[in-house]
């Protein structure tokens, strides 16, 4: 287990803040009060470290398989109209990440990045369906070797204020390769062909880079 590079800046700021806070409490209120603030500071710092953890896990790499792009719970499996790029009906599979999940995102298939956009937006709770089109988000379209395209969308949540995405148009990516990171609560939506076989159920917990969500026909 290591710390993800996207967390270094935040961890440094939090560490500096708790050290300054406890030093101030010590000089103003004495040792007894500092014991309580030190315990609270330790818990907060530990939670921040836990949030930015970067677990070592092997990727499931299989032709035709679509792996989970994130840790979390499946909150939507439904037929929808995708209007940004694909312009057709798709199967949407959405994974909600709480603050206790790993927040790294991975590419669910291998292929070529055909499209990337970052959209500014609102910061509604990420479990709400309309957050997919109204919240701050990124959109990535991947085309596999058979010409099938899927769309992956990172969606910011009520607490998330920064989405990091490493996708670049016309760049080849591998299945399970890191796609990005979302800070503090969010979701990832997948838009798949209607004939995709889905192997997960609503409310099922999935593990990014390892759980197979489904298979292309």
N, C-alpha and C. Protein backbone atom coordinates (compact mmCIF):
# COMPACT_ATOMS: atom_id res chain seq x y z
N UNK A 1 0.84 -1.19 0.00
CA UNK A 1 0.00 0.00 0.00
C UNK A 1 0.88 1.25 0.00
N UNK A 2 0.63 2.14 -0.93
CA UNK A 2 1.36 3.40 -1.00
C UNK A 2 0.37 4.56 -1.04
N UNK A 3 0.89 5.78 -1.07
CA UNK A 3 0.05 6.97 -1.19
C UNK A 3 0.07 7.44 -2.64
N UNK A 4 -1.11 7.74 -3.17
CA UNK A 4 -1.20 8.18 -4.56
C UNK A 4 -0.60 9.57 -4.71
N UNK A 5 0.02 9.81 -5.86
CA UNK A 5 0.69 11.08 -6.10
C UNK A 5 -0.26 12.27 -6.03
N UNK A 6 -1.55 12.07 -6.32
CA UNK A 6 -2.50 13.17 -6.28
C UNK A 6 -2.78 13.64 -4.85
N UNK A 7 -2.32 12.86 -3.85
CA UNK A 7 -2.60 13.23 -2.47
C UNK A 7 -1.49 13.99 -1.78
N UNK A 8 -0.32 14.05 -2.40
CA UNK A 8 0.83 14.64 -1.71
C UNK A 8 0.57 16.08 -1.28
N UNK A 9 0.03 16.89 -2.16
CA UNK A 9 -0.21 18.30 -1.82
C UNK A 9 -1.22 18.45 -0.70
N UNK A 10 -2.33 17.72 -0.79
CA UNK A 10 -3.37 17.79 0.24
C UNK A 10 -2.84 17.31 1.58
N UNK A 11 -2.09 16.22 1.57
CA UNK A 11 -1.55 15.66 2.82
C UNK A 11 -0.60 16.65 3.48
N UNK A 12 0.23 17.31 2.69
CA UNK A 12 1.15 18.30 3.25
C UNK A 12 0.40 19.46 3.89
N UNK A 13 -0.66 19.94 3.22
CA UNK A 13 -1.45 21.04 3.77
C UNK A 13 -2.13 20.63 5.07
N UNK A 14 -2.72 19.45 5.08
CA UNK A 14 -3.41 18.97 6.30
C UNK A 14 -2.41 18.79 7.44
N UNK A 15 -1.24 18.22 7.14
CA UNK A 15 -0.22 18.03 8.17
C UNK A 15 0.24 19.37 8.75
N UNK A 16 0.50 20.33 7.88
CA UNK A 16 0.93 21.65 8.35
C UNK A 16 -0.15 22.30 9.21
N UNK A 17 -1.40 22.12 8.81
CA UNK A 17 -2.51 22.73 9.56
C UNK A 17 -2.64 22.11 10.96
N UNK A 18 -2.60 20.77 11.06
CA UNK A 18 -2.78 20.14 12.37
C UNK A 18 -1.60 20.42 13.29
N UNK A 19 -0.39 20.51 12.73
CA UNK A 19 0.76 20.85 13.55
C UNK A 19 0.66 22.27 14.10
N UNK A 20 0.26 23.19 13.23
CA UNK A 20 0.10 24.58 13.67
C UNK A 20 -1.03 24.71 14.68
N UNK A 21 -2.12 23.99 14.44
CA UNK A 21 -3.26 24.02 15.36
C UNK A 21 -2.87 23.53 16.75
N UNK A 22 -2.20 22.40 16.80
CA UNK A 22 -1.84 21.83 18.09
C UNK A 22 -0.77 22.66 18.81
N UNK A 23 0.12 23.27 18.04
CA UNK A 23 1.11 24.16 18.66
C UNK A 23 0.42 25.37 19.28
N UNK A 24 -0.56 25.91 18.56
CA UNK A 24 -1.31 27.05 19.09
C UNK A 24 -2.10 26.69 20.33
N UNK A 25 -2.76 25.53 20.30
CA UNK A 25 -3.54 25.08 21.46
C UNK A 25 -2.62 24.85 22.67
N UNK A 26 -1.45 24.30 22.42
CA UNK A 26 -0.51 24.03 23.51
C UNK A 26 -0.10 25.32 24.23
N UNK A 27 0.22 26.34 23.46
CA UNK A 27 0.67 27.61 24.06
C UNK A 27 -0.48 28.39 24.69
N UNK A 28 -1.69 28.23 24.16
CA UNK A 28 -2.82 29.01 24.67
C UNK A 28 -3.61 28.29 25.76
N UNK A 29 -3.69 26.95 25.68
CA UNK A 29 -4.57 26.23 26.60
C UNK A 29 -3.88 25.17 27.44
N UNK A 30 -2.64 24.84 27.10
CA UNK A 30 -1.91 23.90 27.93
C UNK A 30 -1.97 22.47 27.45
N UNK A 31 -1.31 21.59 28.22
CA UNK A 31 -1.11 20.20 27.82
C UNK A 31 -2.41 19.41 27.77
N UNK A 32 -3.28 19.59 28.76
CA UNK A 32 -4.49 18.77 28.85
C UNK A 32 -5.39 18.94 27.63
N UNK A 33 -5.60 20.18 27.22
CA UNK A 33 -6.45 20.43 26.04
C UNK A 33 -5.76 19.92 24.78
N UNK A 34 -4.44 20.06 24.75
CA UNK A 34 -3.70 19.61 23.57
C UNK A 34 -3.82 18.11 23.36
N UNK A 35 -3.99 17.34 24.44
CA UNK A 35 -4.17 15.89 24.31
C UNK A 35 -5.40 15.57 23.46
N UNK A 36 -6.48 16.31 23.70
CA UNK A 36 -7.72 16.07 22.95
C UNK A 36 -7.59 16.51 21.50
N UNK A 37 -7.01 17.68 21.27
CA UNK A 37 -6.86 18.16 19.90
C UNK A 37 -5.87 17.30 19.11
N UNK A 38 -4.88 16.76 19.82
CA UNK A 38 -3.90 15.89 19.14
C UNK A 38 -4.57 14.60 18.68
N UNK A 39 -5.45 14.05 19.53
CA UNK A 39 -6.16 12.82 19.16
C UNK A 39 -7.07 13.07 17.96
N UNK A 40 -7.81 14.18 18.02
CA UNK A 40 -8.70 14.52 16.90
C UNK A 40 -7.90 14.76 15.62
N UNK A 41 -6.78 15.43 15.74
CA UNK A 41 -5.93 15.71 14.58
C UNK A 41 -5.39 14.43 13.98
N UNK A 42 -5.00 13.49 14.83
CA UNK A 42 -4.49 12.21 14.35
C UNK A 42 -5.55 11.46 13.56
N UNK A 43 -6.78 11.47 14.05
CA UNK A 43 -7.87 10.77 13.36
C UNK A 43 -8.12 11.40 11.99
N UNK A 44 -8.17 12.74 11.94
CA UNK A 44 -8.38 13.44 10.67
C UNK A 44 -7.26 13.13 9.68
N UNK A 45 -6.03 13.18 10.17
CA UNK A 45 -4.88 12.93 9.30
C UNK A 45 -4.88 11.49 8.79
N UNK A 46 -5.25 10.55 9.65
CA UNK A 46 -5.32 9.15 9.25
C UNK A 46 -6.39 8.93 8.17
N UNK A 47 -7.52 9.63 8.30
CA UNK A 47 -8.58 9.51 7.30
C UNK A 47 -8.13 10.06 5.95
N UNK A 48 -7.37 11.17 5.98
CA UNK A 48 -6.86 11.74 4.74
C UNK A 48 -5.88 10.78 4.08
N UNK A 49 -4.98 10.21 4.88
CA UNK A 49 -4.04 9.22 4.33
C UNK A 49 -4.78 8.04 3.73
N UNK A 50 -5.82 7.58 4.43
CA UNK A 50 -6.60 6.44 3.95
C UNK A 50 -7.28 6.75 2.63
N UNK A 51 -7.76 7.99 2.49
CA UNK A 51 -8.46 8.37 1.27
C UNK A 51 -7.53 8.31 0.06
N UNK A 52 -6.28 8.69 0.23
CA UNK A 52 -5.35 8.75 -0.90
C UNK A 52 -4.51 7.48 -1.03
N UNK A 53 -4.97 6.39 -0.45
CA UNK A 53 -4.21 5.14 -0.55
C UNK A 53 -4.20 4.63 -1.99
N UNK A 54 -3.13 3.98 -2.32
CA UNK A 54 -2.92 3.43 -3.66
C UNK A 54 -2.61 1.95 -3.52
N UNK A 55 -3.63 1.11 -3.47
CA UNK A 55 -3.42 -0.31 -3.19
C UNK A 55 -2.73 -1.03 -4.33
N UNK A 56 -1.93 -2.02 -4.00
CA UNK A 56 -1.29 -2.85 -5.01
C UNK A 56 -2.24 -4.00 -5.33
N UNK A 57 -2.71 -4.03 -6.55
CA UNK A 57 -3.61 -5.10 -6.97
C UNK A 57 -3.40 -5.39 -8.45
N UNK A 58 -3.50 -6.65 -8.81
CA UNK A 58 -3.33 -7.05 -10.20
C UNK A 58 -4.59 -6.73 -10.99
N UNK A 59 -4.40 -6.31 -12.22
CA UNK A 59 -5.54 -6.01 -13.09
C UNK A 59 -6.02 -7.28 -13.77
N UNK A 60 -7.35 -7.40 -13.89
CA UNK A 60 -7.93 -8.45 -14.71
C UNK A 60 -7.88 -7.99 -16.16
N UNK A 61 -7.17 -8.70 -16.99
CA UNK A 61 -7.03 -8.32 -18.40
C UNK A 61 -7.56 -9.46 -19.25
N UNK A 62 -8.73 -9.22 -19.86
CA UNK A 62 -9.35 -10.25 -20.70
C UNK A 62 -10.01 -9.58 -21.89
N UNK A 63 -9.77 -10.11 -23.08
CA UNK A 63 -10.41 -9.59 -24.28
C UNK A 63 -11.93 -9.74 -24.16
N UNK A 64 -12.63 -8.69 -24.46
CA UNK A 64 -14.09 -8.73 -24.43
C UNK A 64 -14.69 -8.38 -23.09
N UNK A 65 -13.86 -8.36 -22.04
CA UNK A 65 -14.36 -8.05 -20.70
C UNK A 65 -14.32 -6.55 -20.45
N UNK A 66 -15.24 -6.09 -19.63
CA UNK A 66 -15.28 -4.69 -19.19
C UNK A 66 -15.09 -4.70 -17.68
N UNK A 67 -13.96 -4.19 -17.20
CA UNK A 67 -13.68 -4.25 -15.78
C UNK A 67 -14.14 -2.96 -15.09
N UNK A 68 -14.36 -3.06 -13.79
CA UNK A 68 -14.81 -1.91 -13.02
C UNK A 68 -13.76 -0.82 -13.05
N UNK A 69 -14.15 0.42 -13.39
CA UNK A 69 -13.19 1.52 -13.41
C UNK A 69 -12.97 2.16 -12.05
N UNK A 70 -13.69 1.67 -11.03
CA UNK A 70 -13.59 2.29 -9.70
C UNK A 70 -14.09 1.33 -8.63
N UNK A 71 -13.65 1.55 -7.40
CA UNK A 71 -14.22 0.86 -6.25
C UNK A 71 -15.55 1.52 -5.90
N UNK A 72 -16.47 0.76 -5.34
CA UNK A 72 -17.71 1.37 -4.89
C UNK A 72 -18.91 0.46 -5.05
N UNK A 73 -20.09 1.08 -5.14
CA UNK A 73 -21.35 0.35 -5.22
C UNK A 73 -22.06 0.70 -6.52
N UNK A 74 -22.61 -0.31 -7.17
CA UNK A 74 -23.36 -0.10 -8.40
C UNK A 74 -24.70 0.55 -8.05
N UNK A 75 -24.93 1.76 -8.55
CA UNK A 75 -26.15 2.50 -8.21
C UNK A 75 -27.10 2.66 -9.39
N UNK A 76 -26.67 2.27 -10.59
CA UNK A 76 -27.55 2.37 -11.75
C UNK A 76 -27.15 1.36 -12.81
N UNK A 77 -28.16 0.67 -13.35
CA UNK A 77 -28.01 -0.17 -14.53
C UNK A 77 -29.28 0.07 -15.34
N UNK A 78 -29.18 0.87 -16.39
CA UNK A 78 -30.39 1.25 -17.10
C UNK A 78 -30.08 1.67 -18.53
N UNK A 79 -31.11 1.61 -19.36
CA UNK A 79 -30.99 2.07 -20.73
C UNK A 79 -31.24 3.57 -20.78
N UNK A 80 -30.30 4.29 -21.38
CA UNK A 80 -30.41 5.75 -21.45
C UNK A 80 -29.98 6.22 -22.84
N UNK A 81 -30.26 7.49 -23.12
CA UNK A 81 -29.78 8.12 -24.34
C UNK A 81 -28.51 8.90 -24.01
N UNK A 82 -27.41 8.61 -24.70
CA UNK A 82 -26.16 9.34 -24.48
C UNK A 82 -26.06 10.42 -25.56
N UNK A 83 -26.12 11.67 -25.13
CA UNK A 83 -26.26 12.77 -26.08
C UNK A 83 -25.00 13.59 -26.32
N UNK A 84 -23.94 13.33 -25.58
CA UNK A 84 -22.75 14.16 -25.75
C UNK A 84 -21.90 13.74 -26.94
N UNK A 85 -21.66 12.46 -27.07
CA UNK A 85 -20.75 11.98 -28.13
C UNK A 85 -21.33 10.80 -28.91
N UNK A 86 -21.76 9.76 -28.22
CA UNK A 86 -22.22 8.55 -28.90
C UNK A 86 -23.52 8.77 -29.65
N UNK A 87 -24.38 9.65 -29.11
CA UNK A 87 -25.64 10.02 -29.78
C UNK A 87 -26.53 8.81 -30.06
N UNK A 88 -26.64 7.93 -29.09
CA UNK A 88 -27.45 6.73 -29.26
C UNK A 88 -27.86 6.20 -27.90
N UNK A 89 -28.74 5.22 -27.90
CA UNK A 89 -29.14 4.58 -26.66
C UNK A 89 -28.03 3.64 -26.19
N UNK A 90 -27.80 3.64 -24.88
CA UNK A 90 -26.72 2.83 -24.29
C UNK A 90 -27.21 2.20 -23.00
N UNK A 91 -26.45 1.25 -22.52
CA UNK A 91 -26.62 0.74 -21.16
C UNK A 91 -25.70 1.55 -20.25
N UNK A 92 -26.29 2.23 -19.29
CA UNK A 92 -25.49 2.98 -18.32
C UNK A 92 -25.29 2.15 -17.07
N UNK A 93 -24.04 2.00 -16.67
CA UNK A 93 -23.69 1.36 -15.40
C UNK A 93 -22.93 2.39 -14.58
N UNK A 94 -23.44 2.71 -13.39
CA UNK A 94 -22.84 3.75 -12.57
C UNK A 94 -22.34 3.18 -11.25
N UNK A 95 -21.15 3.63 -10.85
CA UNK A 95 -20.53 3.19 -9.60
C UNK A 95 -20.33 4.40 -8.70
N UNK A 96 -20.90 4.35 -7.51
CA UNK A 96 -20.77 5.44 -6.55
C UNK A 96 -19.65 5.13 -5.57
N UNK A 97 -18.75 6.11 -5.38
CA UNK A 97 -17.63 5.97 -4.46
C UNK A 97 -17.87 6.84 -3.23
N UNK A 98 -17.88 6.23 -2.06
CA UNK A 98 -17.97 7.00 -0.82
C UNK A 98 -16.57 7.47 -0.44
N UNK A 99 -16.48 8.29 0.60
CA UNK A 99 -15.17 8.80 1.02
C UNK A 99 -14.28 7.68 1.55
N UNK A 100 -14.85 6.51 1.81
CA UNK A 100 -14.06 5.40 2.34
C UNK A 100 -13.51 4.49 1.25
N UNK A 101 -13.94 4.71 0.01
CA UNK A 101 -13.43 3.90 -1.10
C UNK A 101 -12.12 4.45 -1.63
N UNK A 102 -11.35 3.59 -2.30
CA UNK A 102 -10.21 4.06 -3.08
C UNK A 102 -10.76 4.93 -4.21
N UNK A 103 -10.14 6.08 -4.46
CA UNK A 103 -10.68 7.01 -5.45
C UNK A 103 -9.88 7.10 -6.73
N UNK A 104 -9.02 6.12 -6.96
CA UNK A 104 -8.34 6.00 -8.25
C UNK A 104 -9.34 5.47 -9.26
N UNK A 105 -9.23 5.91 -10.50
CA UNK A 105 -10.06 5.39 -11.59
C UNK A 105 -9.15 4.71 -12.61
N UNK A 106 -9.67 3.62 -13.21
CA UNK A 106 -8.91 2.84 -14.17
C UNK A 106 -9.68 2.71 -15.48
N UNK A 107 -8.94 2.55 -16.58
CA UNK A 107 -9.59 2.32 -17.87
C UNK A 107 -10.22 0.92 -17.88
N UNK A 108 -11.51 0.81 -18.23
CA UNK A 108 -12.19 -0.49 -18.17
C UNK A 108 -11.87 -1.43 -19.32
N UNK A 109 -11.39 -0.88 -20.43
CA UNK A 109 -11.00 -1.70 -21.57
C UNK A 109 -9.71 -1.12 -22.17
N UNK A 110 -9.08 -1.87 -23.04
CA UNK A 110 -7.94 -1.34 -23.79
C UNK A 110 -8.45 -0.78 -25.10
N UNK A 111 -7.70 0.16 -25.65
CA UNK A 111 -8.11 0.72 -26.93
C UNK A 111 -7.48 2.07 -27.18
N UNK A 112 -8.18 2.87 -27.99
CA UNK A 112 -7.70 4.19 -28.39
C UNK A 112 -8.66 5.25 -27.85
N UNK A 113 -8.10 6.27 -27.19
CA UNK A 113 -8.93 7.37 -26.70
C UNK A 113 -9.33 8.25 -27.88
N UNK A 114 -10.62 8.27 -28.18
CA UNK A 114 -11.12 9.02 -29.33
C UNK A 114 -11.61 10.42 -28.96
N UNK A 115 -11.90 10.63 -27.68
CA UNK A 115 -12.53 11.90 -27.28
C UNK A 115 -12.28 12.13 -25.80
N UNK A 116 -11.97 13.38 -25.46
CA UNK A 116 -11.84 13.76 -24.05
C UNK A 116 -12.32 15.20 -23.87
N UNK A 117 -13.14 15.41 -22.85
CA UNK A 117 -13.59 16.75 -22.49
C UNK A 117 -13.75 16.86 -20.98
N UNK A 118 -13.43 18.05 -20.46
CA UNK A 118 -13.72 18.38 -19.07
C UNK A 118 -14.82 19.41 -19.07
N UNK A 119 -15.86 19.17 -18.25
CA UNK A 119 -17.00 20.07 -18.18
C UNK A 119 -17.11 20.65 -16.77
N UNK A 120 -17.17 21.96 -16.67
CA UNK A 120 -17.50 22.57 -15.38
C UNK A 120 -18.97 22.35 -15.07
N UNK A 121 -19.32 22.39 -13.80
CA UNK A 121 -20.71 22.16 -13.45
C UNK A 121 -20.97 22.32 -11.97
N UNK A 122 -22.07 21.76 -11.53
CA UNK A 122 -22.50 21.87 -10.14
C UNK A 122 -21.81 20.80 -9.28
N UNK A 123 -22.14 20.80 -8.00
CA UNK A 123 -21.57 19.82 -7.07
C UNK A 123 -22.69 19.19 -6.24
N UNK A 124 -23.70 18.66 -6.93
CA UNK A 124 -24.76 17.93 -6.25
C UNK A 124 -24.22 16.59 -5.75
N UNK A 125 -24.99 15.95 -4.87
CA UNK A 125 -24.61 14.62 -4.39
C UNK A 125 -24.45 13.69 -5.59
N UNK A 126 -23.35 12.94 -5.63
CA UNK A 126 -23.01 12.15 -6.81
C UNK A 126 -23.96 10.98 -7.03
N UNK A 127 -24.72 10.55 -6.01
CA UNK A 127 -25.63 9.43 -6.20
C UNK A 127 -26.91 9.84 -6.93
N UNK A 128 -27.15 11.15 -7.10
CA UNK A 128 -28.33 11.62 -7.83
C UNK A 128 -28.15 11.40 -9.33
N UNK A 129 -29.17 10.87 -10.02
CA UNK A 129 -29.03 10.58 -11.46
C UNK A 129 -28.62 11.79 -12.29
N UNK A 130 -29.17 12.99 -11.99
CA UNK A 130 -28.87 14.15 -12.83
C UNK A 130 -27.46 14.70 -12.61
N UNK A 131 -26.74 14.16 -11.62
CA UNK A 131 -25.36 14.60 -11.43
C UNK A 131 -24.50 14.23 -12.64
N UNK A 132 -24.89 13.18 -13.38
CA UNK A 132 -24.12 12.73 -14.54
C UNK A 132 -24.04 13.77 -15.64
N UNK A 133 -25.04 14.65 -15.70
CA UNK A 133 -25.07 15.64 -16.77
C UNK A 133 -24.98 17.08 -16.27
N UNK A 134 -25.09 17.29 -14.95
CA UNK A 134 -25.09 18.65 -14.42
C UNK A 134 -23.89 18.97 -13.54
N UNK A 135 -23.26 17.94 -12.97
CA UNK A 135 -22.10 18.19 -12.11
C UNK A 135 -20.83 18.39 -12.94
N UNK A 136 -19.78 18.88 -12.27
CA UNK A 136 -18.47 18.89 -12.92
C UNK A 136 -18.12 17.46 -13.29
N UNK A 137 -17.56 17.28 -14.49
CA UNK A 137 -17.34 15.91 -14.97
C UNK A 137 -16.32 15.91 -16.11
N UNK A 138 -15.78 14.73 -16.37
CA UNK A 138 -14.99 14.52 -17.57
C UNK A 138 -15.66 13.44 -18.40
N UNK A 139 -15.44 13.48 -19.69
CA UNK A 139 -15.98 12.47 -20.60
C UNK A 139 -14.84 11.90 -21.43
N UNK A 140 -14.72 10.58 -21.42
CA UNK A 140 -13.67 9.89 -22.19
C UNK A 140 -14.34 8.82 -23.05
N UNK A 141 -14.05 8.82 -24.33
CA UNK A 141 -14.55 7.78 -25.23
C UNK A 141 -13.38 6.91 -25.66
N UNK A 142 -13.56 5.58 -25.51
CA UNK A 142 -12.53 4.62 -25.86
C UNK A 142 -13.06 3.70 -26.96
N UNK A 143 -12.24 3.48 -27.96
CA UNK A 143 -12.60 2.57 -29.06
C UNK A 143 -11.70 1.35 -29.01
N UNK A 144 -12.29 0.16 -28.96
CA UNK A 144 -11.45 -1.05 -28.91
C UNK A 144 -11.05 -1.47 -30.32
N UNK A 145 -10.30 -2.56 -30.40
CA UNK A 145 -9.72 -2.98 -31.69
C UNK A 145 -10.80 -3.41 -32.68
N UNK A 146 -12.01 -3.71 -32.20
CA UNK A 146 -13.11 -4.10 -33.08
C UNK A 146 -13.95 -2.91 -33.53
N UNK A 147 -13.57 -1.71 -33.07
CA UNK A 147 -14.31 -0.52 -33.46
C UNK A 147 -15.47 -0.17 -32.55
N UNK A 148 -15.65 -0.94 -31.48
CA UNK A 148 -16.72 -0.65 -30.53
C UNK A 148 -16.29 0.49 -29.61
N UNK A 149 -17.17 1.45 -29.42
CA UNK A 149 -16.86 2.59 -28.57
C UNK A 149 -17.68 2.56 -27.29
N UNK A 150 -17.02 2.91 -26.18
CA UNK A 150 -17.72 3.09 -24.91
C UNK A 150 -17.36 4.47 -24.37
N UNK A 151 -18.22 4.99 -23.52
CA UNK A 151 -17.97 6.29 -22.91
C UNK A 151 -17.83 6.12 -21.41
N UNK A 152 -16.80 6.73 -20.84
CA UNK A 152 -16.56 6.70 -19.39
C UNK A 152 -16.64 8.13 -18.88
N UNK A 153 -17.41 8.33 -17.82
CA UNK A 153 -17.59 9.69 -17.30
C UNK A 153 -17.25 9.73 -15.81
N UNK A 154 -16.28 10.55 -15.44
CA UNK A 154 -15.98 10.83 -14.04
C UNK A 154 -16.87 11.99 -13.59
N UNK A 155 -17.55 11.81 -12.47
CA UNK A 155 -18.50 12.82 -12.00
C UNK A 155 -18.12 13.27 -10.59
N UNK A 156 -17.97 14.57 -10.40
CA UNK A 156 -17.69 15.10 -9.07
C UNK A 156 -18.93 15.03 -8.20
N UNK A 157 -18.73 14.92 -6.88
CA UNK A 157 -19.85 14.87 -5.95
C UNK A 157 -19.97 16.14 -5.14
N UNK A 158 -20.73 16.07 -4.06
CA UNK A 158 -20.96 17.24 -3.21
C UNK A 158 -19.68 17.72 -2.56
N UNK A 159 -18.77 16.77 -2.24
CA UNK A 159 -17.51 17.13 -1.59
C UNK A 159 -16.35 17.21 -2.57
N UNK A 160 -16.50 16.57 -3.72
CA UNK A 160 -15.40 16.53 -4.68
C UNK A 160 -15.24 17.88 -5.36
N UNK A 161 -14.03 18.39 -5.36
CA UNK A 161 -13.77 19.69 -5.98
C UNK A 161 -12.67 19.61 -7.03
N UNK A 162 -12.20 18.43 -7.28
CA UNK A 162 -11.16 18.31 -8.31
C UNK A 162 -11.19 16.93 -8.94
N UNK A 163 -11.31 16.91 -10.26
CA UNK A 163 -11.23 15.67 -11.02
C UNK A 163 -9.93 15.69 -11.81
N UNK A 164 -9.17 14.63 -11.69
CA UNK A 164 -7.93 14.49 -12.46
C UNK A 164 -8.14 13.37 -13.47
N UNK A 165 -7.84 13.64 -14.73
CA UNK A 165 -7.96 12.62 -15.77
C UNK A 165 -6.71 12.63 -16.63
N UNK A 166 -6.14 11.44 -16.85
CA UNK A 166 -4.90 11.32 -17.61
C UNK A 166 -5.13 11.00 -19.08
N UNK A 167 -6.38 10.89 -19.51
CA UNK A 167 -6.67 10.51 -20.89
C UNK A 167 -6.27 11.61 -21.85
N UNK A 168 -5.71 11.22 -22.99
CA UNK A 168 -5.36 12.14 -24.06
C UNK A 168 -5.87 11.56 -25.37
N UNK A 169 -6.49 12.40 -26.17
CA UNK A 169 -7.05 11.93 -27.43
C UNK A 169 -5.97 11.33 -28.34
N UNK A 170 -6.37 10.28 -29.06
CA UNK A 170 -5.52 9.55 -30.00
C UNK A 170 -4.35 8.86 -29.31
N UNK A 171 -4.54 8.53 -28.04
CA UNK A 171 -3.52 7.80 -27.28
C UNK A 171 -4.02 6.39 -26.97
N UNK A 172 -3.17 5.39 -27.17
CA UNK A 172 -3.55 4.02 -26.84
C UNK A 172 -3.42 3.80 -25.33
N UNK A 173 -4.41 3.13 -24.77
CA UNK A 173 -4.39 2.85 -23.32
C UNK A 173 -4.63 1.36 -23.08
N UNK A 174 -4.16 0.88 -21.93
CA UNK A 174 -4.32 -0.52 -21.59
C UNK A 174 -5.44 -0.74 -20.59
N UNK A 175 -6.02 -1.91 -20.62
CA UNK A 175 -7.07 -2.25 -19.67
C UNK A 175 -6.47 -2.30 -18.26
N UNK A 176 -7.08 -1.56 -17.34
CA UNK A 176 -6.58 -1.51 -15.98
C UNK A 176 -5.54 -0.44 -15.74
N UNK A 177 -5.14 0.27 -16.79
CA UNK A 177 -4.21 1.39 -16.64
C UNK A 177 -4.92 2.53 -15.90
N UNK A 178 -4.19 3.30 -15.08
CA UNK A 178 -4.81 4.39 -14.34
C UNK A 178 -5.35 5.45 -15.29
N UNK A 179 -6.61 5.82 -15.05
CA UNK A 179 -7.29 6.82 -15.86
C UNK A 179 -7.31 8.18 -15.16
N UNK A 180 -7.34 8.17 -13.82
CA UNK A 180 -7.40 9.44 -13.11
C UNK A 180 -7.73 9.26 -11.65
N UNK A 181 -8.19 10.35 -11.04
CA UNK A 181 -8.44 10.37 -9.60
C UNK A 181 -9.50 11.44 -9.34
N UNK A 182 -10.43 11.15 -8.43
CA UNK A 182 -11.43 12.15 -8.02
C UNK A 182 -11.32 12.32 -6.51
N UNK A 183 -11.23 13.56 -6.06
CA UNK A 183 -11.02 13.81 -4.63
C UNK A 183 -12.33 13.98 -3.87
N UNK A 184 -12.53 13.11 -2.88
CA UNK A 184 -13.58 13.24 -1.87
C UNK A 184 -15.01 13.04 -2.39
N UNK A 185 -15.36 11.81 -2.70
CA UNK A 185 -16.75 11.46 -2.97
C UNK A 185 -17.19 11.74 -4.39
N UNK A 186 -17.63 10.71 -5.13
CA UNK A 186 -17.91 10.91 -6.54
C UNK A 186 -18.49 9.64 -7.15
N UNK A 187 -18.60 9.63 -8.50
CA UNK A 187 -19.09 8.44 -9.19
C UNK A 187 -18.45 8.35 -10.57
N UNK A 188 -18.52 7.15 -11.13
CA UNK A 188 -18.06 6.91 -12.50
C UNK A 188 -19.19 6.24 -13.25
N UNK A 189 -19.53 6.78 -14.41
CA UNK A 189 -20.57 6.22 -15.27
C UNK A 189 -19.94 5.58 -16.50
N UNK A 190 -20.46 4.42 -16.87
CA UNK A 190 -20.07 3.77 -18.12
C UNK A 190 -21.28 3.72 -19.05
N UNK A 191 -21.07 4.06 -20.32
CA UNK A 191 -22.11 3.96 -21.33
C UNK A 191 -21.68 2.91 -22.33
N UNK A 192 -22.41 1.80 -22.36
CA UNK A 192 -22.01 0.61 -23.10
C UNK A 192 -23.03 0.27 -24.18
N UNK A 193 -22.62 -0.51 -25.20
CA UNK A 193 -23.58 -0.93 -26.21
C UNK A 193 -24.76 -1.68 -25.59
N UNK A 194 -25.94 -1.58 -26.20
CA UNK A 194 -27.14 -2.19 -25.63
C UNK A 194 -27.04 -3.71 -25.54
N UNK A 195 -26.24 -4.32 -26.41
CA UNK A 195 -26.15 -5.79 -26.38
C UNK A 195 -25.05 -6.29 -25.44
N UNK A 196 -24.49 -5.40 -24.61
CA UNK A 196 -23.48 -5.82 -23.64
C UNK A 196 -24.12 -6.72 -22.58
N UNK A 197 -23.45 -7.81 -22.25
CA UNK A 197 -23.92 -8.68 -21.17
C UNK A 197 -23.43 -8.13 -19.84
N UNK A 198 -24.33 -7.77 -18.96
CA UNK A 198 -23.97 -7.20 -17.67
C UNK A 198 -23.97 -8.30 -16.61
N UNK A 199 -22.86 -8.41 -15.88
CA UNK A 199 -22.71 -9.47 -14.88
C UNK A 199 -22.79 -8.97 -13.45
N UNK A 200 -23.14 -7.71 -13.24
CA UNK A 200 -23.28 -7.19 -11.88
C UNK A 200 -24.72 -6.77 -11.65
N UNK A 201 -25.07 -6.54 -10.37
CA UNK A 201 -26.43 -6.17 -10.01
C UNK A 201 -26.42 -4.85 -9.24
N UNK A 202 -27.58 -4.24 -9.16
CA UNK A 202 -27.72 -3.02 -8.37
C UNK A 202 -27.32 -3.26 -6.92
N UNK A 203 -26.65 -2.30 -6.34
CA UNK A 203 -26.18 -2.32 -4.95
C UNK A 203 -25.02 -3.27 -4.72
N UNK A 204 -24.53 -3.91 -5.77
CA UNK A 204 -23.36 -4.78 -5.61
C UNK A 204 -22.11 -3.95 -5.43
N UNK A 205 -21.25 -4.36 -4.51
CA UNK A 205 -19.97 -3.69 -4.33
C UNK A 205 -18.97 -4.27 -5.32
N UNK A 206 -18.23 -3.38 -5.96
CA UNK A 206 -17.25 -3.81 -6.97
C UNK A 206 -15.87 -3.28 -6.61
N UNK A 207 -14.87 -3.94 -7.15
CA UNK A 207 -13.48 -3.54 -6.92
C UNK A 207 -12.85 -3.10 -8.23
N UNK A 208 -12.39 -1.86 -8.23
CA UNK A 208 -11.79 -1.33 -9.44
C UNK A 208 -10.59 -2.14 -9.89
N UNK A 209 -10.51 -2.34 -11.19
CA UNK A 209 -9.40 -3.06 -11.82
C UNK A 209 -9.53 -4.58 -11.71
N UNK A 210 -10.55 -5.05 -10.98
CA UNK A 210 -10.65 -6.50 -10.77
C UNK A 210 -12.03 -7.07 -11.07
N UNK A 211 -13.11 -6.40 -10.65
CA UNK A 211 -14.45 -6.92 -10.89
C UNK A 211 -14.81 -6.78 -12.38
N UNK A 212 -15.29 -7.85 -12.99
CA UNK A 212 -15.77 -7.79 -14.37
C UNK A 212 -17.23 -7.35 -14.35
N UNK A 213 -17.49 -6.17 -14.94
CA UNK A 213 -18.86 -5.65 -14.98
C UNK A 213 -19.70 -6.37 -16.05
N UNK A 214 -19.07 -6.74 -17.14
CA UNK A 214 -19.79 -7.38 -18.21
C UNK A 214 -18.89 -7.71 -19.37
N UNK A 215 -19.54 -8.13 -20.47
CA UNK A 215 -18.81 -8.60 -21.65
C UNK A 215 -19.42 -8.03 -22.92
N UNK A 216 -18.58 -7.66 -23.87
CA UNK A 216 -19.08 -7.28 -25.18
C UNK A 216 -19.64 -8.52 -25.88
N UNK A 217 -20.64 -8.31 -26.73
CA UNK A 217 -21.23 -9.41 -27.48
C UNK A 217 -20.19 -10.00 -28.41
